[in-house]
Amino acid sequence: MSKQTIITVSREFGSAGHEIAEKIAADLGLKFYDRGMLDEIADEMNVKVEFLEKYDEKPRNIMLSRKIGKYSNSMEEILAETQFEYIQKKAEKGDSFVIVGRCSESVLRDMDGLISIFINGDRECKIKRVMEKYALSRAEAVRKMERHDYKRKKYHNRHSDHKWGDSRYYDLCINSSPLGISGTVRVLEDYIEARMDQNK
């Protein structure tokens, strides 16, 4: 891999987007960043990672936060900006990696080697996956799925200049339901490898 490649993966809850991103990183020998980056950030901030996890990829609580100019006392906002800086530093070092969520396709949009992907899925397939993964009833799975997607959408739309899931702002949008995880990985890796060849 002669030039930098950064693959950003945004996903609907239940679409297996995280697993797909992780598999792509492993297959291509790339570093993988997800909420695990909080461990390193927690060390730098000298706080417990469990404290940060409560605010990760969450919209700010308007009732409990205040903003003056560009400064905010919202922990959600502070953590978001800290993660954006973390991502930018990794990219500016020339690292190649796969990253899940965190508005990364917007944060890194000026990077030459950026490949941005959005993964969605059929509603029934997502519900079934959430039910199986978390041992939930159908009603519980639907509520969990809708809650997570609502928070992701609100978080993304606050910190990005485009709407979450708008296909015009991603290189590739794909429904993971018809092909499953392995089939979707194959399709995405073909596309990524073609882009990497073009970037040599």
N, C-alpha and C. Protein backbone atom coordinates (compact mmCIF):
# COMPACT_ATOMS: atom_id res chain seq x y z
N MET A 1 0.85 -1.17 0.00
CA MET A 1 0.00 0.00 0.00
C MET A 1 0.89 1.23 0.00
N SER A 2 1.06 1.88 -1.14
CA SER A 2 2.04 2.95 -1.26
C SER A 2 1.52 4.28 -0.76
N LYS A 3 0.22 4.53 -0.86
CA LYS A 3 -0.33 5.79 -0.41
C LYS A 3 -1.34 5.56 0.71
N GLN A 4 -1.63 6.64 1.40
CA GLN A 4 -2.56 6.55 2.52
C GLN A 4 -3.98 6.20 2.06
N THR A 5 -4.60 5.29 2.79
CA THR A 5 -6.00 4.92 2.55
C THR A 5 -6.75 5.02 3.87
N ILE A 6 -7.81 5.79 3.87
CA ILE A 6 -8.66 5.92 5.05
C ILE A 6 -10.08 5.53 4.66
N ILE A 7 -10.61 4.55 5.35
CA ILE A 7 -11.95 4.06 5.06
C ILE A 7 -12.85 4.41 6.23
N THR A 8 -13.86 5.25 5.98
CA THR A 8 -14.80 5.61 7.03
C THR A 8 -16.09 4.83 6.81
N VAL A 9 -16.63 4.30 7.90
CA VAL A 9 -17.85 3.50 7.81
C VAL A 9 -18.91 4.06 8.76
N SER A 10 -19.98 4.56 8.19
CA SER A 10 -21.16 4.95 8.96
C SER A 10 -22.18 3.84 8.77
N ARG A 11 -23.08 3.67 9.74
CA ARG A 11 -23.98 2.52 9.62
C ARG A 11 -25.25 2.72 10.43
N GLU A 12 -26.31 2.05 9.95
CA GLU A 12 -27.54 1.96 10.71
C GLU A 12 -27.36 0.88 11.77
N PHE A 13 -28.03 1.03 12.90
CA PHE A 13 -27.96 0.04 13.96
C PHE A 13 -28.61 -1.26 13.49
N GLY A 14 -27.90 -2.37 13.66
CA GLY A 14 -28.43 -3.66 13.22
C GLY A 14 -28.01 -4.06 11.82
N SER A 15 -27.29 -3.18 11.13
CA SER A 15 -26.87 -3.48 9.75
C SER A 15 -25.58 -4.29 9.68
N ALA A 16 -24.96 -4.56 10.82
CA ALA A 16 -23.67 -5.25 10.91
C ALA A 16 -22.53 -4.40 10.37
N GLY A 17 -22.73 -3.09 10.34
CA GLY A 17 -21.70 -2.19 9.82
C GLY A 17 -20.39 -2.26 10.58
N HIS A 18 -20.48 -2.40 11.91
CA HIS A 18 -19.26 -2.47 12.72
C HIS A 18 -18.48 -3.74 12.39
N GLU A 19 -19.16 -4.88 12.32
CA GLU A 19 -18.51 -6.15 12.01
C GLU A 19 -17.90 -6.13 10.62
N ILE A 20 -18.61 -5.52 9.68
CA ILE A 20 -18.11 -5.43 8.30
C ILE A 20 -16.84 -4.58 8.25
N ALA A 21 -16.86 -3.45 8.94
CA ALA A 21 -15.69 -2.56 8.98
C ALA A 21 -14.49 -3.27 9.61
N GLU A 22 -14.74 -4.00 10.69
CA GLU A 22 -13.67 -4.71 11.39
C GLU A 22 -13.06 -5.79 10.50
N LYS A 23 -13.90 -6.48 9.75
CA LYS A 23 -13.42 -7.54 8.85
C LYS A 23 -12.59 -6.95 7.71
N ILE A 24 -13.03 -5.83 7.16
CA ILE A 24 -12.28 -5.16 6.10
C ILE A 24 -10.89 -4.75 6.60
N ALA A 25 -10.85 -4.19 7.80
CA ALA A 25 -9.56 -3.77 8.37
C ALA A 25 -8.62 -4.96 8.53
N ALA A 26 -9.17 -6.07 9.04
CA ALA A 26 -8.35 -7.26 9.23
C ALA A 26 -7.85 -7.82 7.89
N ASP A 27 -8.74 -7.90 6.91
CA ASP A 27 -8.38 -8.46 5.60
C ASP A 27 -7.32 -7.61 4.89
N LEU A 28 -7.42 -6.29 5.04
CA LEU A 28 -6.51 -5.40 4.32
C LEU A 28 -5.29 -4.99 5.16
N GLY A 29 -5.23 -5.50 6.37
CA GLY A 29 -4.09 -5.20 7.23
C GLY A 29 -4.03 -3.75 7.68
N LEU A 30 -5.20 -3.16 7.92
CA LEU A 30 -5.28 -1.76 8.32
C LEU A 30 -5.60 -1.63 9.81
N LYS A 31 -5.15 -0.55 10.40
CA LYS A 31 -5.54 -0.25 11.78
C LYS A 31 -7.05 -0.03 11.82
N PHE A 32 -7.63 -0.33 12.98
CA PHE A 32 -9.08 -0.22 13.13
C PHE A 32 -9.41 0.65 14.34
N TYR A 33 -10.22 1.68 14.11
CA TYR A 33 -10.62 2.57 15.18
C TYR A 33 -12.14 2.58 15.34
N ASP A 34 -12.58 2.37 16.55
CA ASP A 34 -13.99 2.48 16.90
C ASP A 34 -14.04 3.11 18.28
N ARG A 35 -14.98 2.71 19.12
CA ARG A 35 -15.05 3.31 20.45
C ARG A 35 -13.84 2.94 21.31
N GLY A 36 -13.04 1.99 20.83
CA GLY A 36 -11.82 1.62 21.53
C GLY A 36 -10.84 2.78 21.66
N MET A 37 -10.97 3.79 20.79
CA MET A 37 -10.09 4.96 20.88
C MET A 37 -10.30 5.71 22.21
N LEU A 38 -11.44 5.44 22.86
CA LEU A 38 -11.72 6.11 24.13
C LEU A 38 -10.71 5.74 25.20
N ASP A 39 -10.13 4.53 25.12
CA ASP A 39 -9.13 4.12 26.11
C ASP A 39 -7.94 5.08 26.09
N GLU A 40 -7.47 5.38 24.88
CA GLU A 40 -6.32 6.27 24.73
C GLU A 40 -6.68 7.69 25.13
N ILE A 41 -7.87 8.14 24.75
CA ILE A 41 -8.32 9.49 25.09
C ILE A 41 -8.50 9.62 26.60
N ALA A 42 -9.05 8.58 27.23
CA ALA A 42 -9.24 8.60 28.68
C ALA A 42 -7.91 8.74 29.41
N ASP A 43 -6.88 8.04 28.90
CA ASP A 43 -5.54 8.16 29.50
C ASP A 43 -5.03 9.59 29.40
N GLU A 44 -5.22 10.20 28.22
CA GLU A 44 -4.75 11.56 28.01
C GLU A 44 -5.49 12.56 28.90
N MET A 45 -6.80 12.30 29.12
CA MET A 45 -7.61 13.21 29.93
C MET A 45 -7.54 12.87 31.42
N ASN A 46 -6.89 11.74 31.73
CA ASN A 46 -6.76 11.28 33.12
C ASN A 46 -8.12 11.04 33.77
N VAL A 47 -8.99 10.37 33.02
CA VAL A 47 -10.31 9.98 33.55
C VAL A 47 -10.53 8.51 33.23
N LYS A 48 -11.53 7.90 33.87
CA LYS A 48 -11.87 6.52 33.58
C LYS A 48 -12.63 6.42 32.26
N VAL A 49 -12.33 5.39 31.49
CA VAL A 49 -12.98 5.24 30.19
C VAL A 49 -14.49 5.07 30.34
N GLU A 50 -14.92 4.47 31.44
CA GLU A 50 -16.36 4.29 31.68
C GLU A 50 -17.09 5.63 31.74
N PHE A 51 -16.38 6.65 32.22
CA PHE A 51 -16.97 7.99 32.28
C PHE A 51 -17.21 8.53 30.87
N LEU A 52 -16.22 8.34 29.98
CA LEU A 52 -16.36 8.84 28.61
C LEU A 52 -17.41 8.07 27.82
N GLU A 53 -17.52 6.78 28.09
CA GLU A 53 -18.46 5.94 27.33
C GLU A 53 -19.90 6.44 27.47
N LYS A 54 -20.22 7.08 28.56
CA LYS A 54 -21.58 7.60 28.77
C LYS A 54 -21.93 8.71 27.78
N TYR A 55 -20.90 9.36 27.22
CA TYR A 55 -21.12 10.52 26.35
C TYR A 55 -20.74 10.27 24.89
N ASP A 56 -20.27 9.05 24.60
CA ASP A 56 -19.74 8.73 23.27
C ASP A 56 -20.84 8.72 22.21
N GLU A 57 -20.64 9.49 21.13
CA GLU A 57 -21.57 9.58 20.01
C GLU A 57 -23.00 9.87 20.47
N LYS A 58 -23.12 10.75 21.44
CA LYS A 58 -24.43 11.13 21.95
C LYS A 58 -24.66 12.61 21.66
N PRO A 59 -25.90 12.98 21.35
CA PRO A 59 -26.20 14.41 21.20
C PRO A 59 -26.15 15.09 22.55
N ARG A 60 -25.83 16.36 22.57
CA ARG A 60 -25.73 17.07 23.85
C ARG A 60 -27.09 17.21 24.50
N ASN A 61 -27.09 17.26 25.80
CA ASN A 61 -28.31 17.51 26.57
C ASN A 61 -28.49 19.02 26.66
N ILE A 62 -29.43 19.56 25.91
CA ILE A 62 -29.61 21.01 25.82
C ILE A 62 -29.94 21.61 27.19
N MET A 63 -30.71 20.88 27.99
CA MET A 63 -31.13 21.40 29.29
C MET A 63 -29.96 21.51 30.28
N LEU A 64 -28.94 20.68 30.08
CA LEU A 64 -27.82 20.64 31.03
C LEU A 64 -26.53 21.23 30.49
N SER A 65 -26.59 21.84 29.31
CA SER A 65 -25.37 22.37 28.71
C SER A 65 -25.51 23.84 28.37
N ARG A 66 -24.37 24.49 28.26
CA ARG A 66 -24.33 25.91 27.95
C ARG A 66 -23.17 26.17 27.02
N LYS A 67 -23.37 27.07 26.06
CA LYS A 67 -22.30 27.39 25.11
C LYS A 67 -22.11 28.89 25.05
N ILE A 68 -20.85 29.31 25.17
CA ILE A 68 -20.51 30.72 25.03
C ILE A 68 -19.45 30.80 23.94
N GLY A 69 -19.80 31.42 22.82
CA GLY A 69 -18.90 31.44 21.67
C GLY A 69 -18.67 30.03 21.18
N LYS A 70 -17.40 29.63 21.11
CA LYS A 70 -17.10 28.27 20.66
C LYS A 70 -16.87 27.32 21.84
N TYR A 71 -17.03 27.82 23.05
CA TYR A 71 -16.79 27.00 24.24
C TYR A 71 -18.10 26.45 24.81
N SER A 72 -18.06 25.18 25.18
CA SER A 72 -19.24 24.52 25.71
C SER A 72 -18.87 23.75 26.97
N ASN A 73 -19.83 23.66 27.90
CA ASN A 73 -19.60 22.83 29.09
C ASN A 73 -20.23 21.45 28.94
N SER A 74 -20.74 21.17 27.73
CA SER A 74 -21.36 19.87 27.46
C SER A 74 -20.29 18.80 27.29
N MET A 75 -20.34 17.75 28.11
CA MET A 75 -19.36 16.68 28.00
C MET A 75 -19.49 15.97 26.65
N GLU A 76 -20.71 15.88 26.13
CA GLU A 76 -20.92 15.27 24.81
C GLU A 76 -20.16 16.05 23.73
N GLU A 77 -20.25 17.39 23.81
CA GLU A 77 -19.57 18.24 22.83
C GLU A 77 -18.05 18.18 23.00
N ILE A 78 -17.61 18.23 24.23
CA ILE A 78 -16.17 18.19 24.51
C ILE A 78 -15.56 16.88 24.01
N LEU A 79 -16.24 15.76 24.28
CA LEU A 79 -15.73 14.46 23.84
C LEU A 79 -15.75 14.34 22.32
N ALA A 80 -16.81 14.85 21.70
CA ALA A 80 -16.89 14.81 20.23
C ALA A 80 -15.70 15.55 19.62
N GLU A 81 -15.43 16.77 20.10
CA GLU A 81 -14.33 17.55 19.55
C GLU A 81 -12.98 16.87 19.82
N THR A 82 -12.85 16.26 20.98
CA THR A 82 -11.61 15.54 21.31
C THR A 82 -11.39 14.38 20.36
N GLN A 83 -12.46 13.65 20.06
CA GLN A 83 -12.35 12.53 19.12
C GLN A 83 -12.05 13.01 17.71
N PHE A 84 -12.64 14.12 17.30
CA PHE A 84 -12.36 14.65 15.96
C PHE A 84 -10.88 15.02 15.84
N GLU A 85 -10.34 15.63 16.89
CA GLU A 85 -8.91 15.98 16.89
C GLU A 85 -8.03 14.73 16.85
N TYR A 86 -8.44 13.71 17.60
CA TYR A 86 -7.72 12.44 17.63
C TYR A 86 -7.67 11.83 16.22
N ILE A 87 -8.82 11.81 15.55
CA ILE A 87 -8.91 11.24 14.20
C ILE A 87 -8.04 12.03 13.23
N GLN A 88 -8.12 13.36 13.32
CA GLN A 88 -7.33 14.21 12.42
C GLN A 88 -5.83 14.00 12.61
N LYS A 89 -5.40 13.85 13.85
CA LYS A 89 -3.98 13.62 14.12
C LYS A 89 -3.51 12.31 13.51
N LYS A 90 -4.33 11.26 13.63
CA LYS A 90 -3.97 9.97 13.04
C LYS A 90 -3.84 10.10 11.52
N ALA A 91 -4.76 10.83 10.92
CA ALA A 91 -4.73 11.01 9.46
C ALA A 91 -3.54 11.85 9.03
N GLU A 92 -3.26 12.91 9.78
CA GLU A 92 -2.15 13.81 9.42
C GLU A 92 -0.80 13.13 9.56
N LYS A 93 -0.71 12.09 10.40
CA LYS A 93 0.53 11.32 10.54
C LYS A 93 0.79 10.46 9.31
N GLY A 94 -0.22 10.31 8.44
CA GLY A 94 -0.07 9.49 7.25
C GLY A 94 -0.53 8.06 7.45
N ASP A 95 -1.13 7.76 8.60
CA ASP A 95 -1.61 6.40 8.87
C ASP A 95 -2.75 6.03 7.93
N SER A 96 -2.79 4.76 7.57
CA SER A 96 -3.94 4.20 6.85
C SER A 96 -4.78 3.43 7.86
N PHE A 97 -6.09 3.58 7.80
CA PHE A 97 -6.93 2.92 8.80
C PHE A 97 -8.39 2.86 8.36
N VAL A 98 -9.15 2.06 9.10
CA VAL A 98 -10.60 1.99 8.97
C VAL A 98 -11.18 2.57 10.25
N ILE A 99 -12.17 3.43 10.13
CA ILE A 99 -12.79 4.01 11.32
C ILE A 99 -14.31 3.95 11.21
N VAL A 100 -14.95 3.64 12.33
CA VAL A 100 -16.40 3.51 12.38
C VAL A 100 -17.00 4.74 13.05
N GLY A 101 -17.97 5.37 12.37
CA GLY A 101 -18.75 6.46 12.96
C GLY A 101 -17.96 7.72 13.23
N ARG A 102 -18.42 8.50 14.22
CA ARG A 102 -17.79 9.72 14.70
C ARG A 102 -17.64 10.79 13.62
N CYS A 103 -18.62 10.85 12.71
CA CYS A 103 -18.62 11.87 11.65
C CYS A 103 -17.31 11.88 10.87
N SER A 104 -16.63 10.75 10.82
CA SER A 104 -15.28 10.71 10.27
C SER A 104 -15.23 11.08 8.79
N GLU A 105 -16.30 10.79 8.05
CA GLU A 105 -16.28 11.16 6.63
C GLU A 105 -16.31 12.68 6.45
N SER A 106 -16.87 13.39 7.43
CA SER A 106 -16.86 14.86 7.39
C SER A 106 -15.55 15.41 7.94
N VAL A 107 -15.10 14.85 9.05
CA VAL A 107 -13.86 15.32 9.70
C VAL A 107 -12.67 15.17 8.75
N LEU A 108 -12.67 14.10 7.95
CA LEU A 108 -11.51 13.79 7.10
C LEU A 108 -11.78 14.03 5.62
N ARG A 109 -12.78 14.82 5.31
CA ARG A 109 -13.20 14.95 3.91
C ARG A 109 -12.14 15.52 2.98
N ASP A 110 -11.14 16.22 3.53
CA ASP A 110 -10.09 16.81 2.69
C ASP A 110 -8.90 15.87 2.45
N MET A 111 -8.95 14.67 3.02
CA MET A 111 -7.86 13.72 2.84
C MET A 111 -7.97 13.05 1.47
N ASP A 112 -6.86 12.98 0.74
CA ASP A 112 -6.86 12.43 -0.62
C ASP A 112 -7.25 10.96 -0.66
N GLY A 113 -6.83 10.19 0.33
CA GLY A 113 -7.06 8.74 0.30
C GLY A 113 -8.35 8.30 0.97
N LEU A 114 -9.30 9.23 1.13
CA LEU A 114 -10.54 8.91 1.85
C LEU A 114 -11.52 8.11 0.99
N ILE A 115 -12.06 7.04 1.58
CA ILE A 115 -13.15 6.26 0.97
C ILE A 115 -14.26 6.19 2.01
N SER A 116 -15.38 6.81 1.72
CA SER A 116 -16.47 6.88 2.70
C SER A 116 -17.61 5.94 2.32
N ILE A 117 -18.07 5.18 3.31
CA ILE A 117 -19.08 4.14 3.09
C ILE A 117 -20.22 4.30 4.10
N PHE A 118 -21.44 4.08 3.62
CA PHE A 118 -22.60 4.03 4.53
C PHE A 118 -23.29 2.68 4.34
N ILE A 119 -23.51 2.00 5.46
CA ILE A 119 -24.12 0.66 5.42
C ILE A 119 -25.50 0.72 6.06
N ASN A 120 -26.51 0.32 5.29
CA ASN A 120 -27.86 0.22 5.83
C ASN A 120 -28.34 -1.22 5.71
N GLY A 121 -29.60 -1.44 5.98
CA GLY A 121 -30.12 -2.81 5.90
C GLY A 121 -31.63 -2.82 5.88
N ASP A 122 -32.20 -3.95 5.47
CA ASP A 122 -33.65 -4.10 5.49
C ASP A 122 -34.13 -4.12 6.95
N ARG A 123 -35.24 -3.48 7.20
CA ARG A 123 -35.74 -3.33 8.57
C ARG A 123 -35.89 -4.68 9.28
N GLU A 124 -36.53 -5.66 8.61
CA GLU A 124 -36.76 -6.95 9.27
C GLU A 124 -35.46 -7.69 9.55
N CYS A 125 -34.52 -7.59 8.66
CA CYS A 125 -33.21 -8.23 8.88
C CYS A 125 -32.49 -7.58 10.06
N LYS A 126 -32.59 -6.27 10.16
CA LYS A 126 -31.94 -5.57 11.27
C LYS A 126 -32.60 -5.93 12.61
N ILE A 127 -33.92 -6.00 12.60
CA ILE A 127 -34.63 -6.36 13.83
C ILE A 127 -34.22 -7.76 14.29
N LYS A 128 -34.20 -8.70 13.35
CA LYS A 128 -33.82 -10.08 13.68
C LYS A 128 -32.40 -10.14 14.23
N ARG A 129 -31.50 -9.39 13.62
CA ARG A 129 -30.10 -9.38 14.07
C ARG A 129 -29.99 -8.83 15.49
N VAL A 130 -30.69 -7.73 15.76
CA VAL A 130 -30.64 -7.12 17.10
C VAL A 130 -31.26 -8.05 18.13
N MET A 131 -32.35 -8.72 17.77
CA MET A 131 -32.98 -9.68 18.68
C MET A 131 -32.00 -10.78 19.06
N GLU A 132 -31.30 -11.33 18.06
CA GLU A 132 -30.38 -12.44 18.29
C GLU A 132 -29.12 -11.99 19.05
N LYS A 133 -28.59 -10.85 18.67
CA LYS A 133 -27.34 -10.38 19.26
C LYS A 133 -27.50 -9.99 20.73
N TYR A 134 -28.64 -9.39 21.05
CA TYR A 134 -28.83 -8.87 22.41
C TYR A 134 -29.86 -9.65 23.22
N ALA A 135 -30.35 -10.77 22.65
CA ALA A 135 -31.35 -11.60 23.33
C ALA A 135 -32.57 -10.79 23.76
N LEU A 136 -33.16 -10.07 22.79
CA LEU A 136 -34.29 -9.20 23.06
C LEU A 136 -35.55 -9.71 22.37
N SER A 137 -36.69 -9.28 22.87
CA SER A 137 -37.95 -9.53 22.17
C SER A 137 -38.01 -8.62 20.95
N ARG A 138 -38.94 -8.88 20.05
CA ARG A 138 -39.06 -8.03 18.86
C ARG A 138 -39.31 -6.57 19.24
N ALA A 139 -40.23 -6.35 20.17
CA ALA A 139 -40.56 -4.98 20.58
C ALA A 139 -39.34 -4.29 21.19
N GLU A 140 -38.59 -5.01 22.02
CA GLU A 140 -37.39 -4.44 22.63
C GLU A 140 -36.34 -4.12 21.57
N ALA A 141 -36.19 -5.01 20.59
CA ALA A 141 -35.21 -4.81 19.52
C ALA A 141 -35.56 -3.58 18.69
N VAL A 142 -36.84 -3.42 18.38
CA VAL A 142 -37.28 -2.26 17.60
C VAL A 142 -36.98 -0.96 18.35
N ARG A 143 -37.29 -0.95 19.65
CA ARG A 143 -37.04 0.25 20.45
C ARG A 143 -35.54 0.57 20.52
N LYS A 144 -34.74 -0.47 20.71
CA LYS A 144 -33.28 -0.27 20.80
C LYS A 144 -32.74 0.26 19.47
N MET A 145 -33.19 -0.32 18.38
CA MET A 145 -32.73 0.07 17.05
C MET A 145 -33.11 1.53 16.76
N GLU A 146 -34.35 1.86 17.03
CA GLU A 146 -34.82 3.22 16.75
C GLU A 146 -34.14 4.24 17.65
N ARG A 147 -33.89 3.87 18.90
CA ARG A 147 -33.22 4.77 19.83
C ARG A 147 -31.79 5.07 19.39
N HIS A 148 -31.06 4.01 19.02
CA HIS A 148 -29.67 4.19 18.60
C HIS A 148 -29.59 5.00 17.31
N ASP A 149 -30.43 4.70 16.34
CA ASP A 149 -30.38 5.43 15.08
C ASP A 149 -30.78 6.90 15.27
N TYR A 150 -31.73 7.15 16.15
CA TYR A 150 -32.13 8.54 16.43
C TYR A 150 -30.95 9.32 17.00
N LYS A 151 -30.25 8.72 17.97
CA LYS A 151 -29.11 9.39 18.59
C LYS A 151 -27.97 9.59 17.60
N ARG A 152 -27.71 8.57 16.77
CA ARG A 152 -26.63 8.69 15.77
C ARG A 152 -26.95 9.81 14.78
N LYS A 153 -28.19 9.83 14.33
CA LYS A 153 -28.60 10.84 13.36
C LYS A 153 -28.48 12.24 13.95
N LYS A 154 -28.95 12.41 15.17
CA LYS A 154 -28.91 13.72 15.82
C LYS A 154 -27.47 14.16 16.05
N TYR A 155 -26.63 13.24 16.52
CA TYR A 155 -25.21 13.53 16.75
C TYR A 155 -24.53 13.92 15.44
N HIS A 156 -24.74 13.12 14.42
CA HIS A 156 -24.08 13.36 13.13
C HIS A 156 -24.53 14.69 12.54
N ASN A 157 -25.82 14.93 12.53
CA ASN A 157 -26.32 16.14 11.89
C ASN A 157 -25.90 17.42 12.62
N ARG A 158 -25.59 17.30 13.90
CA ARG A 158 -25.09 18.47 14.64
C ARG A 158 -23.64 18.78 14.27
N HIS A 159 -22.84 17.74 14.06
CA HIS A 159 -21.40 17.93 13.88
C HIS A 159 -20.95 17.86 12.42
N SER A 160 -21.87 17.63 11.51
CA SER A 160 -21.50 17.48 10.10
C SER A 160 -22.23 18.50 9.24
N ASP A 161 -21.70 18.73 8.04
CA ASP A 161 -22.35 19.66 7.13
C ASP A 161 -23.30 18.96 6.16
N HIS A 162 -23.54 17.67 6.38
CA HIS A 162 -24.53 16.96 5.56
C HIS A 162 -25.34 16.02 6.44
N LYS A 163 -26.45 15.56 5.91
CA LYS A 163 -27.37 14.71 6.68
C LYS A 163 -26.86 13.27 6.73
N TRP A 164 -27.04 12.67 7.90
CA TRP A 164 -26.66 11.27 8.13
C TRP A 164 -27.36 10.36 7.12
N GLY A 165 -26.58 9.55 6.40
CA GLY A 165 -27.14 8.59 5.46
C GLY A 165 -27.49 9.15 4.09
N ASP A 166 -27.25 10.44 3.84
CA ASP A 166 -27.54 11.04 2.53
C ASP A 166 -26.51 10.51 1.52
N SER A 167 -26.97 9.73 0.57
CA SER A 167 -26.07 9.02 -0.34
C SER A 167 -25.17 9.94 -1.15
N ARG A 168 -25.56 11.19 -1.32
CA ARG A 168 -24.76 12.13 -2.12
C ARG A 168 -23.41 12.44 -1.47
N TYR A 169 -23.29 12.15 -0.18
CA TYR A 169 -22.08 12.54 0.54
C TYR A 169 -21.19 11.37 0.93
N TYR A 170 -21.49 10.19 0.38
CA TYR A 170 -20.65 9.01 0.61
C TYR A 170 -20.20 8.47 -0.74
N ASP A 171 -19.03 7.83 -0.76
CA ASP A 171 -18.58 7.21 -2.01
C ASP A 171 -19.44 6.02 -2.37
N LEU A 172 -19.89 5.32 -1.35
CA LEU A 172 -20.66 4.10 -1.60
C LEU A 172 -21.65 3.86 -0.46
N CYS A 173 -22.91 3.61 -0.80
CA CYS A 173 -23.93 3.20 0.16
C CYS A 173 -24.37 1.78 -0.22
N ILE A 174 -24.48 0.92 0.77
CA ILE A 174 -24.80 -0.48 0.46
C ILE A 174 -25.74 -1.07 1.50
N ASN A 175 -26.69 -1.86 1.03
CA ASN A 175 -27.61 -2.61 1.88
C ASN A 175 -26.95 -3.96 2.17
N SER A 176 -26.64 -4.20 3.44
CA SER A 176 -25.92 -5.42 3.81
C SER A 176 -26.82 -6.65 3.91
N SER A 177 -28.15 -6.46 3.87
CA SER A 177 -29.07 -7.58 4.10
C SER A 177 -29.03 -8.65 3.01
N PRO A 178 -29.08 -8.30 1.72
CA PRO A 178 -29.13 -9.35 0.69
C PRO A 178 -27.92 -10.28 0.68
N LEU A 179 -26.72 -9.74 0.90
CA LEU A 179 -25.50 -10.55 0.79
C LEU A 179 -24.94 -10.99 2.14
N GLY A 180 -25.45 -10.43 3.23
CA GLY A 180 -24.91 -10.77 4.54
C GLY A 180 -23.53 -10.14 4.76
N ILE A 181 -22.93 -10.47 5.87
CA ILE A 181 -21.65 -9.86 6.22
C ILE A 181 -20.55 -10.21 5.23
N SER A 182 -20.35 -11.50 4.98
CA SER A 182 -19.23 -11.91 4.11
C SER A 182 -19.40 -11.41 2.69
N GLY A 183 -20.62 -11.47 2.16
CA GLY A 183 -20.87 -11.00 0.79
C GLY A 183 -20.69 -9.50 0.68
N THR A 184 -21.16 -8.77 1.68
CA THR A 184 -21.00 -7.32 1.67
C THR A 184 -19.53 -6.94 1.78
N VAL A 185 -18.78 -7.66 2.60
CA VAL A 185 -17.34 -7.42 2.73
C VAL A 185 -16.66 -7.61 1.38
N ARG A 186 -17.01 -8.66 0.66
CA ARG A 186 -16.38 -8.92 -0.65
C ARG A 186 -16.64 -7.78 -1.62
N VAL A 187 -17.88 -7.32 -1.68
CA VAL A 187 -18.22 -6.22 -2.59
C VAL A 187 -17.45 -4.96 -2.23
N LEU A 188 -17.42 -4.64 -0.95
CA LEU A 188 -16.73 -3.43 -0.50
C LEU A 188 -15.22 -3.53 -0.72
N GLU A 189 -14.65 -4.70 -0.47
CA GLU A 189 -13.21 -4.85 -0.67
C GLU A 189 -12.84 -4.74 -2.14
N ASP A 190 -13.68 -5.24 -3.03
CA ASP A 190 -13.42 -5.06 -4.47
C ASP A 190 -13.37 -3.58 -4.81
N TYR A 191 -14.32 -2.84 -4.29
CA TYR A 191 -14.38 -1.39 -4.55
C TYR A 191 -13.16 -0.69 -3.94
N ILE A 192 -12.85 -1.02 -2.70
CA ILE A 192 -11.72 -0.39 -2.01
C ILE A 192 -10.40 -0.69 -2.73
N GLU A 193 -10.21 -1.93 -3.12
CA GLU A 193 -8.96 -2.30 -3.80
C GLU A 193 -8.84 -1.60 -5.15
N ALA A 194 -9.98 -1.42 -5.85
CA ALA A 194 -9.95 -0.67 -7.12
C ALA A 194 -9.56 0.78 -6.87
N ARG A 195 -10.08 1.35 -5.80
CA ARG A 195 -9.72 2.73 -5.46
C ARG A 195 -8.26 2.85 -5.05
N MET A 196 -7.77 1.86 -4.31
CA MET A 196 -6.37 1.86 -3.88
C MET A 196 -5.44 1.74 -5.08
N ASP A 197 -5.82 0.89 -6.05
CA ASP A 197 -5.00 0.75 -7.27
C ASP A 197 -4.95 2.08 -8.02
N GLN A 198 -6.08 2.76 -8.04
CA GLN A 198 -6.16 4.06 -8.73
C GLN A 198 -5.30 5.11 -8.04
N ASN A 199 -5.10 4.93 -6.73
CA ASN A 199 -4.39 5.92 -5.92
C ASN A 199 -2.89 5.66 -5.83
N LYS A 200 -2.42 4.59 -6.49
CA LYS A 200 -0.98 4.25 -6.41
C LYS A 200 -0.13 5.27 -7.16
